[in-house]
Amino acid sequence: MKKVFLAGIIQGSATDKSIHSQNYRERIKAIFNEHSPDTEIYDPYDGHEDSVHYDIEKGKSVFKDSLAKIEESDLMIVYLPSASLGTAIEMWECYRPLSQANYLVCDPNKLVRRSFKIH
């Protein structure tokens, strides 16, 4: 079974508690469910829809736990329509030599714009 890590903007550069639309997550999951239903998708937003209200310690713990899932993944899909430090960190973790994951960078105007592995 293939494992996919779904990375992408949540809060981006917002300085308040607002988040970007998360509709892209369901769209990407639907594509996998249709074309590769046996793929396991890890979405760090699932179960943490209220994470902008977490205190610092809980936020760090949740983020650290989600980063650990990257090493277990075969593929990372990245949706990055604007700057996102959290997504950049996820991409770095995917890039690290211990990670075996490939990743796709999604353009907001097209489903997939580029597919590459840095190693």
C-alpha atoms as a PDB file:
ATOM      1  CA  MET A   1       0.000   0.000   0.000  1.00  0.00           C
ATOM      2  CA  LYS A   2       1.329   3.416  -0.961  1.00  0.00           C
ATOM      3  CA  LYS A   3       1.380   6.168   1.657  1.00  0.00           C
ATOM      4  CA  VAL A   4       0.833   9.804   0.707  1.00  0.00           C
ATOM      5  CA  PHE A   5       1.469  12.853   2.877  1.00  0.00           C
ATOM      6  CA  LEU A   6      -0.797  15.759   1.966  1.00  0.00           C
ATOM      7  CA  ALA A   7       1.073  19.016   2.638  1.00  0.00           C
ATOM      8  CA  GLY A   8      -0.251  22.488   2.039  1.00  0.00           C
ATOM      9  CA  ILE A   9      -1.051  25.900   3.273  1.00  0.00           C
ATOM     10  CA  ILE A  10      -3.273  26.243   6.325  1.00  0.00           C
ATOM     11  CA  GLN A  11      -2.631  29.618   7.890  1.00  0.00           C
ATOM     12  CA  GLY A  12       0.154  30.834   5.599  1.00  0.00           C
ATOM     13  CA  SER A  13       1.370  34.305   6.504  1.00  0.00           C
ATOM     14  CA  ALA A  14      -1.827  35.321   8.290  1.00  0.00           C
ATOM     15  CA  THR A  15      -1.131  37.090  11.568  1.00  0.00           C
ATOM     16  CA  ASP A  16      -4.611  36.485  12.937  1.00  0.00           C
ATOM     17  CA  LYS A  17      -6.441  33.183  13.501  1.00  0.00           C
ATOM     18  CA  SER A  18      -7.739  32.938   9.919  1.00  0.00           C
ATOM     19  CA  ILE A  19      -6.941  30.021   7.622  1.00  0.00           C
ATOM     20  CA  HIS A  20      -6.906  29.553   3.876  1.00  0.00           C
ATOM     21  CA  SER A  21      -9.564  27.430   2.214  1.00  0.00           C
ATOM     22  CA  GLN A  22      -8.844  23.764   2.804  1.00  0.00           C
ATOM     23  CA  ASN A  23     -11.060  22.553  -0.070  1.00  0.00           C
ATOM     24  CA  TYR A  24      -8.010  21.377  -1.994  1.00  0.00           C
ATOM     25  CA  ARG A  25      -7.502  18.600   0.532  1.00  0.00           C
ATOM     26  CA  GLU A  26     -10.836  16.941  -0.230  1.00  0.00           C
ATOM     27  CA  ARG A  27     -10.307  17.392  -3.964  1.00  0.00           C
ATOM     28  CA  ILE A  28      -6.934  15.625  -3.856  1.00  0.00           C
ATOM     29  CA  LYS A  29      -8.295  12.859  -1.622  1.00  0.00           C
ATOM     30  CA  ALA A  30     -11.204  12.311  -4.017  1.00  0.00           C
ATOM     31  CA  ILE A  31      -8.789  11.838  -6.911  1.00  0.00           C
ATOM     32  CA  PHE A  32      -6.860   9.201  -4.973  1.00  0.00           C
ATOM     33  CA  ASN A  33     -10.055   7.484  -3.854  1.00  0.00           C
ATOM     34  CA  GLU A  34     -11.181   7.244  -7.478  1.00  0.00           C
ATOM     35  CA  HIS A  35      -7.897   6.219  -9.090  1.00  0.00           C
ATOM     36  CA  SER A  36      -5.959   4.518  -6.293  1.00  0.00           C
ATOM     37  CA  PRO A  37      -8.386   3.557  -3.526  1.00  0.00           C
ATOM     38  CA  ASP A  38      -5.819   1.451  -1.672  1.00  0.00           C
ATOM     39  CA  THR A  39      -3.572   4.485  -1.095  1.00  0.00           C
ATOM     40  CA  GLU A  40      -3.285   5.595   2.525  1.00  0.00           C
ATOM     41  CA  ILE A  41      -3.429   9.384   2.773  1.00  0.00           C
ATOM     42  CA  TYR A  42      -2.132  11.244   5.801  1.00  0.00           C
ATOM     43  CA  ASP A  43      -3.618  14.711   6.066  1.00  0.00           C
ATOM     44  CA  PRO A  44      -2.170  16.681   8.999  1.00  0.00           C
ATOM     45  CA  TYR A  45      -5.244  18.919   9.001  1.00  0.00           C
ATOM     46  CA  ASP A  46      -7.624  16.001   9.716  1.00  0.00           C
ATOM     47  CA  GLY A  47      -8.612  16.080  13.355  1.00  0.00           C
ATOM     48  CA  HIS A  48      -6.904  19.427  13.866  1.00  0.00           C
ATOM     49  CA  GLU A  49      -9.324  21.789  12.148  1.00  0.00           C
ATOM     50  CA  ASP A  50      -9.188  24.062  15.204  1.00  0.00           C
ATOM     51  CA  SER A  51      -5.396  24.024  15.498  1.00  0.00           C
ATOM     52  CA  VAL A  52      -5.037  27.805  15.206  1.00  0.00           C
ATOM     53  CA  HIS A  53      -6.471  27.896  18.731  1.00  0.00           C
ATOM     54  CA  TYR A  54      -3.984  25.386  20.194  1.00  0.00           C
ATOM     55  CA  ASP A  55      -1.533  26.634  22.792  1.00  0.00           C
ATOM     56  CA  ILE A  56       2.171  26.652  21.833  1.00  0.00           C
ATOM     57  CA  GLU A  57       2.995  23.282  23.387  1.00  0.00           C
ATOM     58  CA  LYS A  58       0.083  21.428  21.794  1.00  0.00           C
ATOM     59  CA  GLY A  59       0.764  23.089  18.430  1.00  0.00           C
ATOM     60  CA  LYS A  60       4.428  22.048  18.509  1.00  0.00           C
ATOM     61  CA  SER A  61       3.539  18.505  19.537  1.00  0.00           C
ATOM     62  CA  VAL A  62       0.951  18.068  16.761  1.00  0.00           C
ATOM     63  CA  PHE A  63       3.308  19.519  14.150  1.00  0.00           C
ATOM     64  CA  LYS A  64       6.203  17.319  15.292  1.00  0.00           C
ATOM     65  CA  ASP A  65       3.974  14.215  15.142  1.00  0.00           C
ATOM     66  CA  SER A  66       2.863  15.090  11.607  1.00  0.00           C
ATOM     67  CA  LEU A  67       6.488  15.587  10.485  1.00  0.00           C
ATOM     68  CA  ALA A  68       7.266  12.045  11.647  1.00  0.00           C
ATOM     69  CA  LYS A  69       4.675  10.749   9.148  1.00  0.00           C
ATOM     70  CA  ILE A  70       6.735  12.121   6.257  1.00  0.00           C
ATOM     71  CA  GLU A  71       9.453   9.509   6.680  1.00  0.00           C
ATOM     72  CA  GLU A  72       6.799   6.800   6.402  1.00  0.00           C
ATOM     73  CA  SER A  73       5.417   8.258   3.158  1.00  0.00           C
ATOM     74  CA  ASP A  74       6.113   7.251  -0.421  1.00  0.00           C
ATOM     75  CA  LEU A  75       4.842  10.525  -1.839  1.00  0.00           C
ATOM     76  CA  MET A  76       4.168  14.056  -0.641  1.00  0.00           C
ATOM     77  CA  ILE A  77       1.650  16.216  -2.470  1.00  0.00           C
ATOM     78  CA  VAL A  78       2.166  19.920  -1.851  1.00  0.00           C
ATOM     79  CA  TYR A  79      -0.423  22.635  -2.426  1.00  0.00           C
ATOM     80  CA  LEU A  80       1.304  25.985  -2.086  1.00  0.00           C
ATOM     81  CA  PRO A  81      -0.552  28.954  -3.593  1.00  0.00           C
ATOM     82  CA  SER A  82       1.322  31.380  -1.315  1.00  0.00           C
ATOM     83  CA  ALA A  83       4.018  31.395   1.367  1.00  0.00           C
ATOM     84  CA  SER A  84       3.672  28.867   4.161  1.00  0.00           C
ATOM     85  CA  LEU A  85       6.435  28.227   6.671  1.00  0.00           C
ATOM     86  CA  GLY A  86       4.839  24.990   7.890  1.00  0.00           C
ATOM     87  CA  THR A  87       4.617  23.635   4.346  1.00  0.00           C
ATOM     88  CA  ALA A  88       8.214  24.679   3.674  1.00  0.00           C
ATOM     89  CA  ILE A  89       9.308  22.700   6.740  1.00  0.00           C
ATOM     90  CA  GLU A  90       7.305  19.687   5.541  1.00  0.00           C
ATOM     91  CA  MET A  91       9.010  19.928   2.141  1.00  0.00           C
ATOM     92  CA  TRP A  92      12.415  20.134   3.827  1.00  0.00           C
ATOM     93  CA  GLU A  93      11.632  17.011   5.843  1.00  0.00           C
ATOM     94  CA  CYS A  94      10.712  15.262   2.601  1.00  0.00           C
ATOM     95  CA  TYR A  95      13.990  16.425   1.051  1.00  0.00           C
ATOM     96  CA  ARG A  96      16.171  15.147   3.872  1.00  0.00           C
ATOM     97  CA  PRO A  97      18.236  12.061   3.004  1.00  0.00           C
ATOM     98  CA  LEU A  98      16.354   9.834   5.481  1.00  0.00           C
ATOM     99  CA  SER A  99      13.092  10.405   3.665  1.00  0.00           C
ATOM    100  CA  GLN A 100      12.257   8.180   0.708  1.00  0.00           C
ATOM    101  CA  ALA A 101       9.278  10.282  -0.351  1.00  0.00           C
ATOM    102  CA  ASN A 102       8.905  11.982  -3.718  1.00  0.00           C
ATOM    103  CA  TYR A 103       6.760  15.056  -3.951  1.00  0.00           C
ATOM    104  CA  LEU A 104       4.437  16.930  -6.265  1.00  0.00           C
ATOM    105  CA  VAL A 105       3.966  20.681  -6.147  1.00  0.00           C
ATOM    106  CA  CYS A 106       0.411  21.706  -7.018  1.00  0.00           C
ATOM    107  CA  ASP A 107      -0.432  24.962  -8.752  1.00  0.00           C
ATOM    108  CA  PRO A 108      -3.758  26.482  -7.635  1.00  0.00           C
ATOM    109  CA  ASN A 109      -4.777  26.873 -11.298  1.00  0.00           C
ATOM    110  CA  LYS A 110      -3.871  23.320 -12.323  1.00  0.00           C
ATOM    111  CA  LEU A 111      -4.059  20.153 -10.321  1.00  0.00           C
ATOM    112  CA  VAL A 112      -0.404  19.260 -10.810  1.00  0.00           C
ATOM    113  CA  ARG A 113       2.236  21.552 -12.181  1.00  0.00           C
ATOM    114  CA  ARG A 114       5.500  19.844 -11.334  1.00  0.00           C
ATOM    115  CA  SER A 115       6.610  16.479 -10.124  1.00  0.00           C
ATOM    116  CA  PHE A 116      10.169  15.957  -8.996  1.00  0.00           C
ATOM    117  CA  LYS A 117      12.494  14.489  -6.429  1.00  0.00           C
ATOM    118  CA  ILE A 118      15.393  16.587  -5.259  1.00  0.00           C
ATOM    119  CA  HIS A 119      17.780  13.776  -4.209  1.00  0.00           C
END
